[in-house]
PDB file of N, CA and C in Angstrom:
ATOM      1  N   MET A   1      85.095 -83.691  38.751  1.00  0.00           N
ATOM      2  CA  MET A   1      86.331 -83.126  38.255  1.00  0.00           C
ATOM      3  C   MET A   1      86.587 -83.505  36.807  1.00  0.00           C
ATOM      4  N   THR A   2      86.180 -84.696  36.376  1.00  0.00           N
ATOM      5  CA  THR A   2      86.502 -85.118  35.012  1.00  0.00           C
ATOM      6  C   THR A   2      85.854 -84.216  33.969  1.00  0.00           C
ATOM      7  N   ASN A   3      84.758 -83.536  34.323  1.00  0.00           N
ATOM      8  CA  ASN A   3      84.131 -82.659  33.340  1.00  0.00           C
ATOM      9  C   ASN A   3      84.893 -81.345  33.186  1.00  0.00           C
ATOM     10  N   ASP A   4      85.952 -81.132  33.968  1.00  0.00           N
ATOM     11  CA  ASP A   4      86.811 -79.963  33.826  1.00  0.00           C
ATOM     12  C   ASP A   4      88.001 -80.239  32.908  1.00  0.00           C
ATOM     13  N   ILE A   5      88.230 -81.492  32.576  1.00  0.00           N
ATOM     14  CA  ILE A   5      89.405 -81.873  31.794  1.00  0.00           C
ATOM     15  C   ILE A   5      89.046 -81.892  30.312  1.00  0.00           C
ATOM     16  N   ASN A   6      89.861 -81.213  29.521  1.00  0.00           N
ATOM     17  CA  ASN A   6      89.693 -81.238  28.075  1.00  0.00           C
ATOM     18  C   ASN A   6      90.433 -82.476  27.561  1.00  0.00           C
ATOM     19  N   TRP A   7      89.694 -83.553  27.330  1.00  0.00           N
ATOM     20  CA  TRP A   7      90.292 -84.832  26.946  1.00  0.00           C
ATOM     21  C   TRP A   7      90.947 -84.761  25.575  1.00  0.00           C
ATOM     22  N   GLY A   8      90.427 -83.901  24.711  1.00  0.00           N
ATOM     23  CA  GLY A   8      91.049 -83.719  23.397  1.00  0.00           C
ATOM     24  C   GLY A   8      92.462 -83.183  23.529  1.00  0.00           C
ATOM     25  N   ARG A   9      92.637 -82.190  24.370  1.00  0.00           N
ATOM     26  CA  ARG A   9      93.971 -81.627  24.607  1.00  0.00           C
ATOM     27  C   ARG A   9      94.872 -82.663  25.271  1.00  0.00           C
ATOM     28  N   GLU A  10      94.323 -83.392  26.231  1.00  0.00           N
ATOM     29  CA  GLU A  10      95.126 -84.400  26.929  1.00  0.00           C
ATOM     30  C   GLU A  10      95.585 -85.502  25.979  1.00  0.00           C
ATOM     31  N   LEU A  11      94.742 -85.843  25.031  1.00  0.00           N
ATOM     32  CA  LEU A  11      95.122 -86.860  24.045  1.00  0.00           C
ATOM     33  C   LEU A  11      96.318 -86.383  23.232  1.00  0.00           C
ATOM     34  N   LEU A  12      96.328 -85.109  22.870  1.00  0.00           N
ATOM     35  CA  LEU A  12      97.437 -84.564  22.078  1.00  0.00           C
ATOM     36  C   LEU A  12      98.768 -84.643  22.821  1.00  0.00           C
ATOM     37  N   TYR A  13      98.720 -84.534  24.145  1.00  0.00           N
ATOM     38  CA  TYR A  13      99.948 -84.500  24.929  1.00  0.00           C
ATOM     39  C   TYR A  13     100.239 -85.799  25.680  1.00  0.00           C
ATOM     40  N   TYR A  14      99.411 -86.830  25.454  1.00  0.00           N
ATOM     41  CA  TYR A  14      99.646 -88.096  26.142  1.00  0.00           C
ATOM     42  C   TYR A  14     100.965 -88.698  25.653  1.00  0.00           C
ATOM     43  N   PRO A  15     101.832 -89.154  26.568  1.00  0.00           N
ATOM     44  CA  PRO A  15     103.133 -89.692  26.144  1.00  0.00           C
ATOM     45  C   PRO A  15     102.982 -91.004  25.374  1.00  0.00           C
ATOM     46  N   ILE A  16     103.400 -90.975  24.139  1.00  0.00           N
ATOM     47  CA  ILE A  16     103.317 -92.150  23.261  1.00  0.00           C
ATOM     48  C   ILE A  16     104.713 -92.756  23.154  1.00  0.00           C
ATOM     49  N   PRO A  17     104.835 -94.060  23.374  1.00  0.00           N
ATOM     50  CA  PRO A  17     106.166 -94.684  23.311  1.00  0.00           C
ATOM     51  C   PRO A  17     106.692 -94.739  21.874  1.00  0.00           C
ATOM     52  N   ASP A  18     108.009 -94.728  21.747  1.00  0.00           N
ATOM     53  CA  ASP A  18     108.640 -94.878  20.431  1.00  0.00           C
ATOM     54  C   ASP A  18     108.194 -96.186  19.800  1.00  0.00           C
ATOM     55  N   GLY A  19     107.900 -96.142  18.514  1.00  0.00           N
ATOM     56  CA  GLY A  19     107.489 -97.337  17.790  1.00  0.00           C
ATOM     57  C   GLY A  19     105.997 -97.602  17.793  1.00  0.00           C
ATOM     58  N   PHE A  20     105.257 -96.867  18.608  1.00  0.00           N
ATOM     59  CA  PHE A  20     103.792 -97.030  18.659  1.00  0.00           C
ATOM     60  C   PHE A  20     103.213 -96.532  17.339  1.00  0.00           C
ATOM     61  N   ASP A  21     102.343 -97.328  16.730  1.00  0.00           N
ATOM     62  CA  ASP A  21     101.779 -97.000  15.425  1.00  0.00           C
ATOM     63  C   ASP A  21     100.925 -95.737  15.517  1.00  0.00           C
ATOM     64  N   SER A  22     101.290 -94.721  14.760  1.00  0.00           N
ATOM     65  CA  SER A  22     100.572 -93.445  14.796  1.00  0.00           C
ATOM     66  C   SER A  22      99.138 -93.585  14.289  1.00  0.00           C
ATOM     67  N   TRP A  23      98.825 -94.680  13.597  1.00  0.00           N
ATOM     68  CA  TRP A  23      97.455 -94.892  13.116  1.00  0.00           C
ATOM     69  C   TRP A  23      96.478 -94.872  14.293  1.00  0.00           C
ATOM     70  N   TYR A  24      96.853 -95.488  15.401  1.00  0.00           N
ATOM     71  CA  TYR A  24      95.968 -95.534  16.572  1.00  0.00           C
ATOM     72  C   TYR A  24      95.722 -94.143  17.140  1.00  0.00           C
ATOM     73  N   VAL A  25      96.783 -93.352  17.225  1.00  0.00           N
ATOM     74  CA  VAL A  25      96.652 -91.989  17.738  1.00  0.00           C
ATOM     75  C   VAL A  25      95.767 -91.175  16.800  1.00  0.00           C
ATOM     76  N   ASN A  26      96.024 -91.289  15.503  1.00  0.00           N
ATOM     77  CA  ASN A  26      95.229 -90.546  14.521  1.00  0.00           C
ATOM     78  C   ASN A  26      93.773 -90.976  14.534  1.00  0.00           C
ATOM     79  N   LYS A  27      93.508 -92.258  14.743  1.00  0.00           N
ATOM     80  CA  LYS A  27      92.133 -92.758  14.826  1.00  0.00           C
ATOM     81  C   LYS A  27      91.419 -92.148  16.028  1.00  0.00           C
ATOM     82  N   CYS A  28      92.093 -92.076  17.151  1.00  0.00           N
ATOM     83  CA  CYS A  28      91.495 -91.466  18.341  1.00  0.00           C
ATOM     84  C   CYS A  28      91.234 -89.986  18.110  1.00  0.00           C
ATOM     85  N   LYS A  29      92.185 -89.295  17.475  1.00  0.00           N
ATOM     86  CA  LYS A  29      91.993 -87.872  17.160  1.00  0.00           C
ATOM     87  C   LYS A  29      90.787 -87.693  16.236  1.00  0.00           C
ATOM     88  N   ASP A  30      90.687 -88.555  15.225  1.00  0.00           N
ATOM     89  CA  ASP A  30      89.552 -88.478  14.293  1.00  0.00           C
ATOM     90  C   ASP A  30      88.230 -88.726  15.012  1.00  0.00           C
ATOM     91  N   ASP A  31      88.214 -89.712  15.905  1.00  0.00           N
ATOM     92  CA  ASP A  31      86.987 -90.008  16.653  1.00  0.00           C
ATOM     93  C   ASP A  31      86.584 -88.834  17.540  1.00  0.00           C
ATOM     94  N   MET A  32      87.562 -88.195  18.171  1.00  0.00           N
ATOM     95  CA  MET A  32      87.257 -87.022  18.996  1.00  0.00           C
ATOM     96  C   MET A  32      86.739 -85.877  18.142  1.00  0.00           C
ATOM     97  N   ARG A  33      87.384 -85.653  17.009  1.00  0.00           N
ATOM     98  CA  ARG A  33      86.962 -84.586  16.106  1.00  0.00           C
ATOM     99  C   ARG A  33      85.531 -84.835  15.629  1.00  0.00           C
ATOM    100  N   ASP A  34      85.243 -86.080  15.259  1.00  0.00           N
ATOM    101  CA  ASP A  34      83.884 -86.431  14.821  1.00  0.00           C
ATOM    102  C   ASP A  34      82.863 -86.179  15.929  1.00  0.00           C
ATOM    103  N   ASN A  35      83.209 -86.535  17.148  1.00  0.00           N
ATOM    104  CA  ASN A  35      82.304 -86.326  18.274  1.00  0.00           C
ATOM    105  C   ASN A  35      81.994 -84.842  18.452  1.00  0.00           C
ATOM    106  N   VAL A  36      83.016 -84.011  18.414  1.00  0.00           N
ATOM    107  CA  VAL A  36      82.822 -82.568  18.616  1.00  0.00           C
ATOM    108  C   VAL A  36      82.033 -81.970  17.450  1.00  0.00           C
ATOM    109  N   GLN A  37      82.340 -82.394  16.235  1.00  0.00           N
ATOM    110  CA  GLN A  37      81.623 -81.871  15.066  1.00  0.00           C
ATOM    111  C   GLN A  37      80.158 -82.282  15.067  1.00  0.00           C
ATOM    112  N   ASN A  38      79.856 -83.368  15.752  1.00  0.00           N
ATOM    113  CA  ASN A  38      78.471 -83.842  15.817  1.00  0.00           C
ATOM    114  C   ASN A  38      77.777 -83.402  17.104  1.00  0.00           C
ATOM    115  N   GLY A  39      78.270 -82.328  17.709  1.00  0.00           N
ATOM    116  CA  GLY A  39      77.593 -81.773  18.875  1.00  0.00           C
ATOM    117  C   GLY A  39      78.175 -82.162  20.213  1.00  0.00           C
ATOM    118  N   GLY A  40      79.219 -82.960  20.200  1.00  0.00           N
ATOM    119  CA  GLY A  40      79.855 -83.353  21.452  1.00  0.00           C
ATOM    120  C   GLY A  40      80.732 -82.237  21.985  1.00  0.00           C
ATOM    121  N   ASN A  41      81.446 -82.560  23.038  1.00  0.00           N
ATOM    122  CA  ASN A  41      82.280 -81.583  23.724  1.00  0.00           C
ATOM    123  C   ASN A  41      83.603 -82.252  24.072  1.00  0.00           C
ATOM    124  N   PRO A  42      84.733 -81.549  23.973  1.00  0.00           N
ATOM    125  CA  PRO A  42      86.012 -82.163  24.326  1.00  0.00           C
ATOM    126  C   PRO A  42      86.117 -82.562  25.797  1.00  0.00           C
ATOM    127  N   LYS A  43      85.135 -82.170  26.596  1.00  0.00           N
ATOM    128  CA  LYS A  43      85.150 -82.509  28.026  1.00  0.00           C
ATOM    129  C   LYS A  43      84.059 -83.524  28.395  1.00  0.00           C
ATOM    130  N   ASP A  44      83.394 -84.123  27.378  1.00  0.00           N
ATOM    131  CA  ASP A  44      82.284 -85.024  27.690  1.00  0.00           C
ATOM    132  C   ASP A  44      82.737 -86.474  27.877  1.00  0.00           C
ATOM    133  N   LYS A  45      81.786 -87.320  28.231  1.00  0.00           N
ATOM    134  CA  LYS A  45      82.079 -88.736  28.502  1.00  0.00           C
ATOM    135  C   LYS A  45      82.573 -89.478  27.263  1.00  0.00           C
ATOM    136  N   VAL A  46      82.095 -89.086  26.078  1.00  0.00           N
ATOM    137  CA  VAL A  46      82.520 -89.762  24.848  1.00  0.00           C
ATOM    138  C   VAL A  46      84.015 -89.535  24.627  1.00  0.00           C
ATOM    139  N   THR A  47      84.470 -88.286  24.733  1.00  0.00           N
ATOM    140  CA  THR A  47      85.891 -88.016  24.530  1.00  0.00           C
ATOM    141  C   THR A  47      86.736 -88.609  25.661  1.00  0.00           C
ATOM    142  N   GLU A  48      86.173 -88.668  26.848  1.00  0.00           N
ATOM    143  CA  GLU A  48      86.876 -89.322  27.956  1.00  0.00           C
ATOM    144  C   GLU A  48      87.118 -90.795  27.635  1.00  0.00           C
ATOM    145  N   LYS A  49      86.128 -91.456  27.057  1.00  0.00           N
ATOM    146  CA  LYS A  49      86.275 -92.877  26.693  1.00  0.00           C
ATOM    147  C   LYS A  49      87.273 -93.064  25.563  1.00  0.00           C
ATOM    148  N   ILE A  50      87.333 -92.122  24.632  1.00  0.00           N
ATOM    149  CA  ILE A  50      88.308 -92.206  23.545  1.00  0.00           C
ATOM    150  C   ILE A  50      89.724 -92.079  24.108  1.00  0.00           C
ATOM    151  N   PHE A  51      89.915 -91.137  25.032  1.00  0.00           N
ATOM    152  CA  PHE A  51      91.205 -90.979  25.704  1.00  0.00           C
ATOM    153  C   PHE A  51      91.575 -92.263  26.441  1.00  0.00           C
ATOM    154  N   LEU A  52      90.625 -92.850  27.146  1.00  0.00           N
ATOM    155  CA  LEU A  52      90.863 -94.092  27.887  1.00  0.00           C
ATOM    156  C   LEU A  52      91.267 -95.219  26.939  1.00  0.00           C
ATOM    157  N   ARG A  53      90.628 -95.274  25.774  1.00  0.00           N
ATOM    158  CA  ARG A  53      90.971 -96.307  24.781  1.00  0.00           C
ATOM    159  C   ARG A  53      92.432 -96.175  24.359  1.00  0.00           C
ATOM    160  N   LEU A  54      92.879 -94.943  24.091  1.00  0.00           N
ATOM    161  CA  LEU A  54      94.278 -94.747  23.710  1.00  0.00           C
ATOM    162  C   LEU A  54      95.216 -95.172  24.838  1.00  0.00           C
ATOM    163  N   CYS A  55      94.896 -94.815  26.063  1.00  0.00           N
ATOM    164  CA  CYS A  55      95.737 -95.194  27.207  1.00  0.00           C
ATOM    165  C   CYS A  55      95.868 -96.711  27.308  1.00  0.00           C
ATOM    166  N   ARG A  56      94.778 -97.411  27.113  1.00  0.00           N
ATOM    167  CA  ARG A  56      94.812 -98.878  27.197  1.00  0.00           C
ATOM    168  C   ARG A  56      95.582 -99.481  26.027  1.00  0.00           C
ATOM    169  N   LEU A  57      95.472 -98.881  24.843  1.00  0.00           N
ATOM    170  CA  LEU A  57      96.256 -99.358  23.701  1.00  0.00           C
ATOM    171  C   LEU A  57      97.751 -99.196  23.966  1.00  0.00           C
ATOM    172  N   VAL A  58      98.122 -98.092  24.576  1.00  0.00           N
ATOM    173  CA  VAL A  58      99.528 -97.871  24.929  1.00  0.00           C
ATOM    174  C   VAL A  58      99.963 -98.907  25.967  1.00  0.00           C
ATOM    175  N   ASP A  59      99.129 -99.201  26.951  1.00  0.00           N
ATOM    176  CA  ASP A  59      99.453-100.235  27.940  1.00  0.00           C
ATOM    177  C   ASP A  59      99.674-101.581  27.260  1.00  0.00           C
ATOM    178  N   ILE A  60      98.806-101.918  26.318  1.00  0.00           N
ATOM    179  CA  ILE A  60      98.952-103.186  25.594  1.00  0.00           C
ATOM    180  C   ILE A  60     100.261-103.198  24.821  1.00  0.00           C
ATOM    181  N   TYR A  61     100.553-102.100  24.134  1.00  0.00           N
ATOM    182  CA  TYR A  61     101.803-101.991  23.373  1.00  0.00           C
ATOM    183  C   TYR A  61     103.015-102.173  24.285  1.00  0.00           C
ATOM    184  N   CYS A  62     102.941-101.613  25.468  1.00  0.00           N
ATOM    185  CA  CYS A  62     104.051-101.703  26.437  1.00  0.00           C
ATOM    186  C   CYS A  62     104.034-103.010  27.219  1.00  0.00           C
ATOM    187  N   LYS A  63     103.135-103.914  26.832  1.00  0.00           N
ATOM    188  CA  LYS A  63     103.009-105.235  27.455  1.00  0.00           C
ATOM    189  C   LYS A  63     102.704-105.151  28.949  1.00  0.00           C
ATOM    190  N   GLN A  64     101.883-104.178  29.306  1.00  0.00           N
ATOM    191  CA  GLN A  64     101.435-104.047  30.686  1.00  0.00           C
ATOM    192  C   GLN A  64     100.064-104.697  30.820  1.00  0.00           C
ATOM    193  N   ASP A  65      99.817-105.266  31.983  1.00  0.00           N
ATOM    194  CA  ASP A  65      98.492-105.810  32.246  1.00  0.00           C
ATOM    195  C   ASP A  65      97.492-104.667  32.295  1.00  0.00           C
ATOM    196  N   ILE A  66      96.319-104.893  31.723  1.00  0.00           N
ATOM    197  CA  ILE A  66      95.272-103.879  31.724  1.00  0.00           C
ATOM    198  C   ILE A  66      94.504-103.956  33.034  1.00  0.00           C
ATOM    199  N   ASP A  67      94.422-102.850  33.709  1.00  0.00           N
ATOM    200  CA  ASP A  67      93.584-102.727  34.906  1.00  0.00           C
ATOM    201  C   ASP A  67      92.255-102.154  34.428  1.00  0.00           C
ATOM    202  N   TRP A  68      91.267-103.004  34.262  1.00  0.00           N
ATOM    203  CA  TRP A  68      89.991-102.588  33.672  1.00  0.00           C
ATOM    204  C   TRP A  68      89.205-101.651  34.584  1.00  0.00           C
ATOM    205  N   LYS A  69      89.631-101.528  35.837  1.00  0.00           N
ATOM    206  CA  LYS A  69      88.965-100.589  36.748  1.00  0.00           C
ATOM    207  C   LYS A  69      89.593 -99.202  36.677  1.00  0.00           C
ATOM    208  N   LYS A  70      90.748 -99.105  36.023  1.00  0.00           N
ATOM    209  CA  LYS A  70      91.449 -97.831  35.899  1.00  0.00           C
ATOM    210  C   LYS A  70      90.666 -96.911  34.957  1.00  0.00           C
ATOM    211  N   THR A  71      90.449 -95.692  35.392  1.00  0.00           N
ATOM    212  CA  THR A  71      89.657 -94.739  34.613  1.00  0.00           C
ATOM    213  C   THR A  71      90.575 -93.791  33.844  1.00  0.00           C
ATOM    214  N   ALA A  72      89.966 -93.003  32.966  1.00  0.00           N
ATOM    215  CA  ALA A  72      90.720 -91.981  32.240  1.00  0.00           C
ATOM    216  C   ALA A  72      91.364 -91.013  33.230  1.00  0.00           C
ATOM    217  N   LEU A  73      90.638 -90.687  34.285  1.00  0.00           N
ATOM    218  CA  LEU A  73      91.172 -89.784  35.303  1.00  0.00           C
ATOM    219  C   LEU A  73      92.384 -90.395  35.999  1.00  0.00           C
ATOM    220  N   ASP A  74      92.365 -91.714  36.224  1.00  0.00           N
ATOM    221  CA  ASP A  74      93.526 -92.394  36.820  1.00  0.00           C
ATOM    222  C   ASP A  74      94.758 -92.246  35.926  1.00  0.00           C
ATOM    223  N   TYR A  75      94.566 -92.474  34.623  1.00  0.00           N
ATOM    224  CA  TYR A  75      95.679 -92.321  33.679  1.00  0.00           C
ATOM    225  C   TYR A  75      96.161 -90.870  33.664  1.00  0.00           C
ATOM    226  N   TRP A  76      95.230 -89.949  33.650  1.00  0.00           N
ATOM    227  CA  TRP A  76      95.568 -88.517  33.618  1.00  0.00           C
ATOM    228  C   TRP A  76      96.370 -88.136  34.858  1.00  0.00           C
ATOM    229  N   ASN A  77      95.920 -88.609  36.020  1.00  0.00           N
ATOM    230  CA  ASN A  77      96.632 -88.322  37.273  1.00  0.00           C
ATOM    231  C   ASN A  77      98.031 -88.934  37.271  1.00  0.00           C
ATOM    232  N   GLU A  78      98.158 -90.126  36.687  1.00  0.00           N
ATOM    233  CA  GLU A  78      99.445 -90.806  36.612  1.00  0.00           C
ATOM    234  C   GLU A  78     100.434 -89.979  35.780  1.00  0.00           C
ATOM    235  N   VAL A  79      99.986 -89.522  34.620  1.00  0.00           N
ATOM    236  CA  VAL A  79     100.845 -88.721  33.745  1.00  0.00           C
ATOM    237  C   VAL A  79     101.172 -87.397  34.411  1.00  0.00           C
ATOM    238  N   ASP A  80     100.183 -86.768  35.001  1.00  0.00           N
ATOM    239  CA  ASP A  80     100.384 -85.489  35.685  1.00  0.00           C
ATOM    240  C   ASP A  80     101.402 -85.644  36.804  1.00  0.00           C
ATOM    241  N   SER A  81     101.296 -86.719  37.558  1.00  0.00           N
ATOM    242  CA  SER A  81     102.224 -86.989  38.649  1.00  0.00           C
ATOM    243  C   SER A  81     103.642 -87.192  38.115  1.00  0.00           C
ATOM    244  N   ASN A  82     103.780 -87.941  37.027  1.00  0.00           N
ATOM    245  CA  ASN A  82     105.092 -88.179  36.430  1.00  0.00           C
ATOM    246  C   ASN A  82     105.705 -86.891  35.911  1.00  0.00           C
ATOM    247  N   LEU A  83     104.885 -86.027  35.326  1.00  0.00           N
ATOM    248  CA  LEU A  83     105.393 -84.751  34.810  1.00  0.00           C
ATOM    249  C   LEU A  83     105.889 -83.851  35.939  1.00  0.00           C
ATOM    250  N   LYS A  84     105.266 -83.975  37.090  1.00  0.00           N
ATOM    251  CA  LYS A  84     105.676 -83.153  38.236  1.00  0.00           C
ATOM    252  C   LYS A  84     106.839 -83.778  39.002  1.00  0.00           C
ATOM    253  N   GLY A  85     107.292 -84.968  38.548  1.00  0.00           N
ATOM    254  CA  GLY A  85     108.410 -85.612  39.205  1.00  0.00           C
ATOM    255  C   GLY A  85     108.042 -86.433  40.409  1.00  0.00           C
ATOM    256  N   ASN A  86     106.747 -86.751  40.543  1.00  0.00           N
ATOM    257  CA  ASN A  86     106.295 -87.537  41.705  1.00  0.00           C
ATOM    258  C   ASN A  86     106.136 -88.996  41.358  1.00  0.00           C
ATOM    259  N   GLY A  87     106.444 -89.386  40.115  1.00  0.00           N
ATOM    260  CA  GLY A  87     106.258 -90.767  39.690  1.00  0.00           C
ATOM    261  C   GLY A  87     107.367 -91.656  40.152  1.00  0.00           C
ATOM    262  N   ASP A  88     107.176 -92.938  39.895  1.00  0.00           N
ATOM    263  CA  ASP A  88     108.189 -93.928  40.303  1.00  0.00           C
ATOM    264  C   ASP A  88     109.405 -93.874  39.410  1.00  0.00           C
TER     265      ASP A  88
END
């Protein structure tokens, strides 16, 4: 299923908390753009890892413990669930 997700698009819409330094978001966007320009795909493992990096940076910013077993798909499902009103 993860190869069906456009991680570049998901990065653009990932909820960023107020006060989070936009440099990190822009760095992730630049890394994704570089990957695609060099033959990558917005749905590949490289962009998935870039998305995961941003999610973990946001967790650190929010002073949440990092669950190193949590995948990009886990974060994506969490956000999707919250958007549908199924979150805590």
